[in-house]
C-alpha atoms as a PDB file:
ATOM      1  CA  MET A   1     -51.444 -56.652  11.900  1.00  0.00           C
ATOM      2  CA  THR A   2     -53.757 -59.193  13.411  1.00  0.00           C
ATOM      3  CA  ALA A   3     -56.696 -58.220  15.552  1.00  0.00           C
ATOM      4  CA  ARG A   4     -55.011 -59.749  18.597  1.00  0.00           C
ATOM      5  CA  ARG A   5     -51.799 -57.739  18.110  1.00  0.00           C
ATOM      6  CA  MET A   6     -53.842 -54.557  17.678  1.00  0.00           C
ATOM      7  CA  SER A   7     -55.761 -55.187  20.908  1.00  0.00           C
ATOM      8  CA  ILE A   8     -52.517 -55.879  22.846  1.00  0.00           C
ATOM      9  CA  LYS A   9     -50.948 -52.760  21.350  1.00  0.00           C
ATOM     10  CA  SER A  10     -54.066 -50.728  22.211  1.00  0.00           C
ATOM     11  CA  LEU A  11     -54.113 -52.129  25.745  1.00  0.00           C
ATOM     12  CA  THR A  12     -50.408 -51.363  26.219  1.00  0.00           C
ATOM     13  CA  THR A  13     -50.907 -47.824  24.935  1.00  0.00           C
ATOM     14  CA  ALA A  14     -53.905 -47.305  27.252  1.00  0.00           C
ATOM     15  CA  VAL A  15     -52.014 -48.614  30.304  1.00  0.00           C
ATOM     16  CA  ALA A  16     -48.988 -46.436  29.519  1.00  0.00           C
ATOM     17  CA  ALA A  17     -51.197 -43.384  29.087  1.00  0.00           C
ATOM     18  CA  SER A  18     -52.984 -43.969  32.397  1.00  0.00           C
ATOM     19  CA  VAL A  19     -49.680 -44.525  34.253  1.00  0.00           C
ATOM     20  CA  LEU A  20     -48.268 -41.299  32.832  1.00  0.00           C
ATOM     21  CA  ALA A  21     -51.475 -39.450  33.669  1.00  0.00           C
ATOM     22  CA  GLY A  22     -51.310 -40.797  37.217  1.00  0.00           C
ATOM     23  CA  CYS A  23     -47.676 -39.712  37.550  1.00  0.00           C
ATOM     24  CA  THR A  24     -48.510 -36.254  36.270  1.00  0.00           C
ATOM     25  CA  SER A  25     -51.313 -35.930  38.785  1.00  0.00           C
ATOM     26  CA  LEU A  26     -49.089 -37.188  41.622  1.00  0.00           C
ATOM     27  CA  SER A  27     -46.243 -34.900  40.679  1.00  0.00           C
ATOM     28  CA  SER A  28     -48.518 -31.903  40.714  1.00  0.00           C
ATOM     29  CA  GLY A  29     -50.047 -32.859  44.063  1.00  0.00           C
ATOM     30  CA  GLY A  30     -53.234 -34.495  42.823  1.00  0.00           C
ATOM     31  CA  GLY A  31     -54.403 -31.483  40.877  1.00  0.00           C
ATOM     32  CA  ARG A  32     -53.308 -28.955  43.491  1.00  0.00           C
ATOM     33  CA  SER A  33     -50.999 -26.180  42.442  1.00  0.00           C
ATOM     34  CA  CYS A  34     -47.743 -25.584  44.272  1.00  0.00           C
ATOM     35  CA  ALA A  35     -48.244 -22.105  45.721  1.00  0.00           C
ATOM     36  CA  VAL A  36     -48.509 -20.290  49.030  1.00  0.00           C
ATOM     37  CA  PRO A  37     -52.209 -19.940  49.898  1.00  0.00           C
ATOM     38  CA  GLU A  38     -53.462 -16.767  51.503  1.00  0.00           C
ATOM     39  CA  GLY A  39     -53.717 -16.790  55.271  1.00  0.00           C
ATOM     40  CA  LEU A  40     -50.658 -18.908  56.081  1.00  0.00           C
ATOM     41  CA  PRO A  41     -48.203 -17.138  58.407  1.00  0.00           C
ATOM     42  CA  THR A  42     -45.010 -15.945  56.729  1.00  0.00           C
ATOM     43  CA  VAL A  43     -41.737 -14.401  57.851  1.00  0.00           C
ATOM     44  CA  GLY A  44     -42.456 -11.169  59.678  1.00  0.00           C
ATOM     45  CA  ASP A  45     -45.826 -12.228  61.104  1.00  0.00           C
ATOM     46  CA  GLU A  46     -46.080 -12.340  64.887  1.00  0.00           C
ATOM     47  CA  TYR A  47     -46.148 -15.870  66.313  1.00  0.00           C
ATOM     48  CA  GLU A  48     -49.602 -17.224  67.156  1.00  0.00           C
ATOM     49  CA  ILE A  49     -49.972 -19.467  70.201  1.00  0.00           C
ATOM     50  CA  SER A  50     -50.749 -23.119  69.428  1.00  0.00           C
ATOM     51  CA  VAL A  51     -52.344 -26.057  71.212  1.00  0.00           C
ATOM     52  CA  GLY A  52     -49.686 -27.789  73.324  1.00  0.00           C
ATOM     53  CA  ASP A  53     -47.611 -24.638  73.884  1.00  0.00           C
ATOM     54  CA  VAL A  54     -46.413 -23.966  77.429  1.00  0.00           C
ATOM     55  CA  ILE A  55     -46.741 -20.306  78.408  1.00  0.00           C
ATOM     56  CA  ALA A  56     -44.898 -18.758  81.361  1.00  0.00           C
ATOM     57  CA  ILE A  57     -47.013 -15.940  82.804  1.00  0.00           C
ATOM     58  CA  ASN A  58     -45.900 -13.441  85.425  1.00  0.00           C
ATOM     59  CA  VAL A  59     -48.069 -10.749  86.968  1.00  0.00           C
ATOM     60  CA  PHE A  60     -45.734  -8.302  88.713  1.00  0.00           C
ATOM     61  CA  GLY A  61     -46.304  -8.306  92.484  1.00  0.00           C
ATOM     62  CA  GLN A  62     -48.767 -11.246  92.321  1.00  0.00           C
ATOM     63  CA  GLU A  63     -46.771 -14.423  93.062  1.00  0.00           C
ATOM     64  CA  GLU A  64     -49.931 -16.543  93.248  1.00  0.00           C
ATOM     65  CA  LEU A  65     -50.637 -15.787  89.562  1.00  0.00           C
ATOM     66  CA  LYS A  66     -47.138 -16.648  88.372  1.00  0.00           C
ATOM     67  CA  GLY A  67     -46.823 -20.006  86.633  1.00  0.00           C
ATOM     68  CA  GLU A  68     -46.479 -22.132  83.538  1.00  0.00           C
ATOM     69  CA  TYR A  69     -49.688 -22.958  81.705  1.00  0.00           C
ATOM     70  CA  ILE A  70     -50.267 -25.545  78.965  1.00  0.00           C
ATOM     71  CA  VAL A  71     -52.620 -24.633  76.131  1.00  0.00           C
ATOM     72  CA  GLY A  72     -55.181 -27.463  76.103  1.00  0.00           C
ATOM     73  CA  SER A  73     -56.727 -29.204  73.133  1.00  0.00           C
ATOM     74  CA  ASP A  74     -59.635 -26.745  73.311  1.00  0.00           C
ATOM     75  CA  GLY A  75     -57.178 -23.846  72.841  1.00  0.00           C
ATOM     76  CA  THR A  76     -57.490 -22.450  76.371  1.00  0.00           C
ATOM     77  CA  ILE A  77     -55.456 -22.223  79.555  1.00  0.00           C
ATOM     78  CA  SER A  78     -56.855 -22.408  83.057  1.00  0.00           C
ATOM     79  CA  PHE A  79     -55.697 -19.261  84.847  1.00  0.00           C
ATOM     80  CA  PRO A  80     -56.157 -18.682  88.605  1.00  0.00           C
ATOM     81  CA  ILE A  81     -59.073 -16.431  89.511  1.00  0.00           C
ATOM     82  CA  LEU A  82     -60.042 -15.803  85.869  1.00  0.00           C
ATOM     83  CA  GLY A  83     -60.719 -19.404  84.807  1.00  0.00           C
ATOM     84  CA  GLU A  84     -60.527 -20.469  81.145  1.00  0.00           C
ATOM     85  CA  ILE A  85     -58.869 -18.000  78.784  1.00  0.00           C
ATOM     86  CA  GLY A  86     -58.589 -18.508  75.024  1.00  0.00           C
ATOM     87  CA  ALA A  87     -54.968 -18.677  73.885  1.00  0.00           C
ATOM     88  CA  ALA A  88     -54.635 -20.675  70.646  1.00  0.00           C
ATOM     89  CA  ASP A  89     -54.452 -18.749  67.365  1.00  0.00           C
ATOM     90  CA  ARG A  90     -53.730 -15.488  69.168  1.00  0.00           C
ATOM     91  CA  THR A  91     -50.531 -13.489  69.368  1.00  0.00           C
ATOM     92  CA  LEU A  92     -48.829 -13.089  72.746  1.00  0.00           C
ATOM     93  CA  THR A  93     -49.652  -9.391  72.613  1.00  0.00           C
ATOM     94  CA  THR A  94     -53.434  -9.921  72.325  1.00  0.00           C
ATOM     95  CA  PHE A  95     -53.293 -12.757  74.868  1.00  0.00           C
ATOM     96  CA  VAL A  96     -51.468 -10.588  77.448  1.00  0.00           C
ATOM     97  CA  ASP A  97     -53.833  -7.668  76.749  1.00  0.00           C
ATOM     98  CA  GLU A  98     -56.853  -9.858  77.534  1.00  0.00           C
ATOM     99  CA  ILE A  99     -55.363 -11.107  80.814  1.00  0.00           C
ATOM    100  CA  SER A 100     -54.434  -7.544  81.791  1.00  0.00           C
ATOM    101  CA  THR A 101     -57.919  -6.247  80.992  1.00  0.00           C
ATOM    102  CA  LYS A 102     -59.647  -9.036  82.939  1.00  0.00           C
ATOM    103  CA  LEU A 103     -57.336  -8.665  85.940  1.00  0.00           C
ATOM    104  CA  ASP A 104     -57.732  -4.872  85.944  1.00  0.00           C
ATOM    105  CA  ALA A 105     -61.533  -5.192  85.924  1.00  0.00           C
ATOM    106  CA  ASP A 106     -61.805  -7.680  88.773  1.00  0.00           C
ATOM    107  CA  VAL A 107     -58.616  -8.359  90.702  1.00  0.00           C
ATOM    108  CA  VAL A 108     -55.444  -6.271  90.349  1.00  0.00           C
ATOM    109  CA  LEU A 109     -55.109  -2.520  89.976  1.00  0.00           C
ATOM    110  CA  ASN A 110     -53.017  -1.661  86.867  1.00  0.00           C
ATOM    111  CA  PRO A 111     -51.603  -5.156  86.399  1.00  0.00           C
ATOM    112  CA  ARG A 112     -48.276  -5.582  84.629  1.00  0.00           C
ATOM    113  CA  VAL A 113     -48.454  -8.923  82.841  1.00  0.00           C
ATOM    114  CA  ASN A 114     -45.564 -10.604  81.086  1.00  0.00           C
ATOM    115  CA  ALA A 115     -45.865 -13.840  79.110  1.00  0.00           C
ATOM    116  CA  GLN A 116     -43.670 -15.919  76.875  1.00  0.00           C
ATOM    117  CA  VAL A 117     -43.975 -19.270  75.174  1.00  0.00           C
ATOM    118  CA  ILE A 118     -41.320 -21.535  76.696  1.00  0.00           C
ATOM    119  CA  ASP A 119     -42.122 -24.848  74.998  1.00  0.00           C
ATOM    120  CA  HIS A 120     -43.900 -26.068  71.883  1.00  0.00           C
ATOM    121  CA  SER A 121     -45.174 -29.292  70.351  1.00  0.00           C
ATOM    122  CA  PRO A 122     -42.689 -30.694  67.811  1.00  0.00           C
ATOM    123  CA  ILE A 123     -43.011 -30.559  64.038  1.00  0.00           C
ATOM    124  CA  TYR A 124     -42.909 -33.736  61.963  1.00  0.00           C
ATOM    125  CA  VAL A 125     -41.007 -34.330  58.730  1.00  0.00           C
ATOM    126  CA  PHE A 126     -41.321 -37.551  56.739  1.00  0.00           C
ATOM    127  CA  GLY A 127     -41.246 -38.959  53.247  1.00  0.00           C
ATOM    128  CA  SER A 128     -38.165 -38.564  51.053  1.00  0.00           C
ATOM    129  CA  VAL A 129     -35.828 -37.134  53.701  1.00  0.00           C
ATOM    130  CA  LEU A 130     -32.750 -38.774  55.184  1.00  0.00           C
ATOM    131  CA  LYS A 131     -33.932 -38.761  58.825  1.00  0.00           C
ATOM    132  CA  PRO A 132     -37.742 -38.686  59.067  1.00  0.00           C
ATOM    133  CA  GLY A 133     -39.146 -37.970  62.517  1.00  0.00           C
ATOM    134  CA  SER A 134     -40.191 -35.306  64.977  1.00  0.00           C
ATOM    135  CA  TYR A 135     -38.125 -32.182  65.497  1.00  0.00           C
ATOM    136  CA  SER A 136     -38.137 -29.329  67.993  1.00  0.00           C
ATOM    137  CA  PHE A 137     -40.139 -26.338  66.888  1.00  0.00           C
ATOM    138  CA  ASN A 138     -38.632 -22.871  66.981  1.00  0.00           C
ATOM    139  CA  VAL A 139     -40.529 -19.698  66.216  1.00  0.00           C
ATOM    140  CA  TYR A 140     -39.933 -18.798  62.567  1.00  0.00           C
ATOM    141  CA  THR A 141     -39.107 -22.367  61.522  1.00  0.00           C
ATOM    142  CA  GLY A 142     -39.671 -22.537  57.775  1.00  0.00           C
ATOM    143  CA  VAL A 143     -40.149 -25.480  55.431  1.00  0.00           C
ATOM    144  CA  TYR A 144     -36.569 -25.541  54.175  1.00  0.00           C
ATOM    145  CA  SER A 145     -35.096 -25.476  57.697  1.00  0.00           C
ATOM    146  CA  ALA A 146     -37.447 -28.310  58.754  1.00  0.00           C
ATOM    147  CA  VAL A 147     -36.227 -30.437  55.829  1.00  0.00           C
ATOM    148  CA  ALA A 148     -32.636 -29.576  56.751  1.00  0.00           C
ATOM    149  CA  ALA A 149     -33.265 -30.702  60.342  1.00  0.00           C
ATOM    150  CA  ALA A 150     -34.457 -34.031  58.905  1.00  0.00           C
ATOM    151  CA  GLY A 151     -31.106 -34.533  57.190  1.00  0.00           C
ATOM    152  CA  GLY A 152     -32.065 -33.030  53.854  1.00  0.00           C
ATOM    153  CA  PHE A 153     -33.609 -34.575  50.759  1.00  0.00           C
ATOM    154  CA  THR A 154     -32.999 -38.101  49.504  1.00  0.00           C
ATOM    155  CA  TYR A 155     -31.797 -38.442  45.912  1.00  0.00           C
ATOM    156  CA  ARG A 156     -35.358 -39.284  44.785  1.00  0.00           C
ATOM    157  CA  ALA A 157     -37.027 -36.417  46.607  1.00  0.00           C
ATOM    158  CA  LYS A 158     -39.282 -34.009  44.779  1.00  0.00           C
ATOM    159  CA  LYS A 159     -37.498 -30.874  45.940  1.00  0.00           C
ATOM    160  CA  ASP A 160     -39.607 -28.049  44.528  1.00  0.00           C
ATOM    161  CA  CYS A 161     -42.805 -28.570  46.579  1.00  0.00           C
ATOM    162  CA  VAL A 162     -43.809 -30.301  49.813  1.00  0.00           C
ATOM    163  CA  VAL A 163     -47.120 -31.203  51.427  1.00  0.00           C
ATOM    164  CA  LEU A 164     -47.912 -29.189  54.569  1.00  0.00           C
ATOM    165  CA  ARG A 165     -50.590 -30.487  56.961  1.00  0.00           C
ATOM    166  CA  ARG A 166     -51.605 -27.831  59.488  1.00  0.00           C
ATOM    167  CA  ALA A 167     -52.008 -29.200  63.007  1.00  0.00           C
ATOM    168  CA  THR A 168     -54.455 -26.466  63.974  1.00  0.00           C
ATOM    169  CA  THR A 169     -56.951 -26.989  61.149  1.00  0.00           C
ATOM    170  CA  GLY A 170     -56.084 -30.335  59.552  1.00  0.00           C
ATOM    171  CA  GLU A 171     -55.882 -28.572  56.173  1.00  0.00           C
ATOM    172  CA  GLU A 172     -53.371 -29.802  53.619  1.00  0.00           C
ATOM    173  CA  PHE A 173     -51.447 -27.569  51.208  1.00  0.00           C
ATOM    174  CA  LEU A 174     -48.886 -28.121  48.469  1.00  0.00           C
ATOM    175  CA  ILE A 175     -46.350 -25.333  48.971  1.00  0.00           C
ATOM    176  CA  PRO A 176     -42.971 -24.385  47.484  1.00  0.00           C
ATOM    177  CA  THR A 177     -40.045 -25.656  49.554  1.00  0.00           C
ATOM    178  CA  GLU A 178     -38.331 -22.283  49.449  1.00  0.00           C
ATOM    179  CA  SER A 179     -41.428 -20.279  50.394  1.00  0.00           C
ATOM    180  CA  ASP A 180     -41.429 -17.957  53.389  1.00  0.00           C
ATOM    181  CA  VAL A 181     -44.241 -19.897  55.111  1.00  0.00           C
ATOM    182  CA  ILE A 182     -43.658 -20.288  58.845  1.00  0.00           C
ATOM    183  CA  LEU A 183     -44.588 -23.607  60.425  1.00  0.00           C
ATOM    184  CA  SER A 184     -46.664 -24.001  63.570  1.00  0.00           C
ATOM    185  CA  PRO A 185     -46.131 -26.541  66.351  1.00  0.00           C
ATOM    186  CA  GLY A 186     -47.545 -29.942  65.405  1.00  0.00           C
ATOM    187  CA  ASP A 187     -47.392 -29.267  61.645  1.00  0.00           C
ATOM    188  CA  VAL A 188     -46.422 -32.139  59.360  1.00  0.00           C
ATOM    189  CA  ILE A 189     -44.191 -31.804  56.295  1.00  0.00           C
ATOM    190  CA  GLU A 190     -44.263 -34.626  53.746  1.00  0.00           C
ATOM    191  CA  VAL A 191     -41.635 -34.709  51.009  1.00  0.00           C
ATOM    192  CA  LYS A 192     -42.905 -36.660  48.009  1.00  0.00           C
ATOM    193  CA  ALA A 193     -40.665 -38.862  45.836  1.00  0.00           C
ATOM    194  CA  ARG A 194     -40.027 -38.450  42.134  1.00  0.00           C
ATOM    195  CA  TYR A 195     -41.086 -41.436  40.050  1.00  0.00           C
ATOM    196  CA  PHE A 196     -38.784 -40.827  37.088  1.00  0.00           C
END
């Protein structure tokens, strides 16, 4: 073989190796493993309030305190008499307990507080799905049901793992599609494409 043929062959081999290495790294999520990290909510966990949620609050016998409150970008609601109250990343139970405790201390004797989340920010699904876009969030929406809402996978979709970007923290995870992870309002699911 001539020196020129050897250098072309070497160059071709090097390019092929780097392409395959790049594909391997992409298919595995850039070095991340496809697993459920600790701390993500799963089926059975109580729903935690998120930024953008609308909460209907009723204090029995106190019409002036009844209303619908939006959780602001700082994670709080502005409640009459009490002012700013932290809501995001808390369960409804702990949120209601705090309102009850604060009302009992300053305003209402033995308050009976009821609250429920009546609206959420949407979730977003894009990438290798048939109908990418935003979709209504429901408590206990999982990854697989979010992909189904987006029309399912395309024929080139990488179906075993998806990228999850948490709206609350901005963190990104590579998780199994059939995991029991529960999404939060504003979360983004990206379905990667297979290259071969």
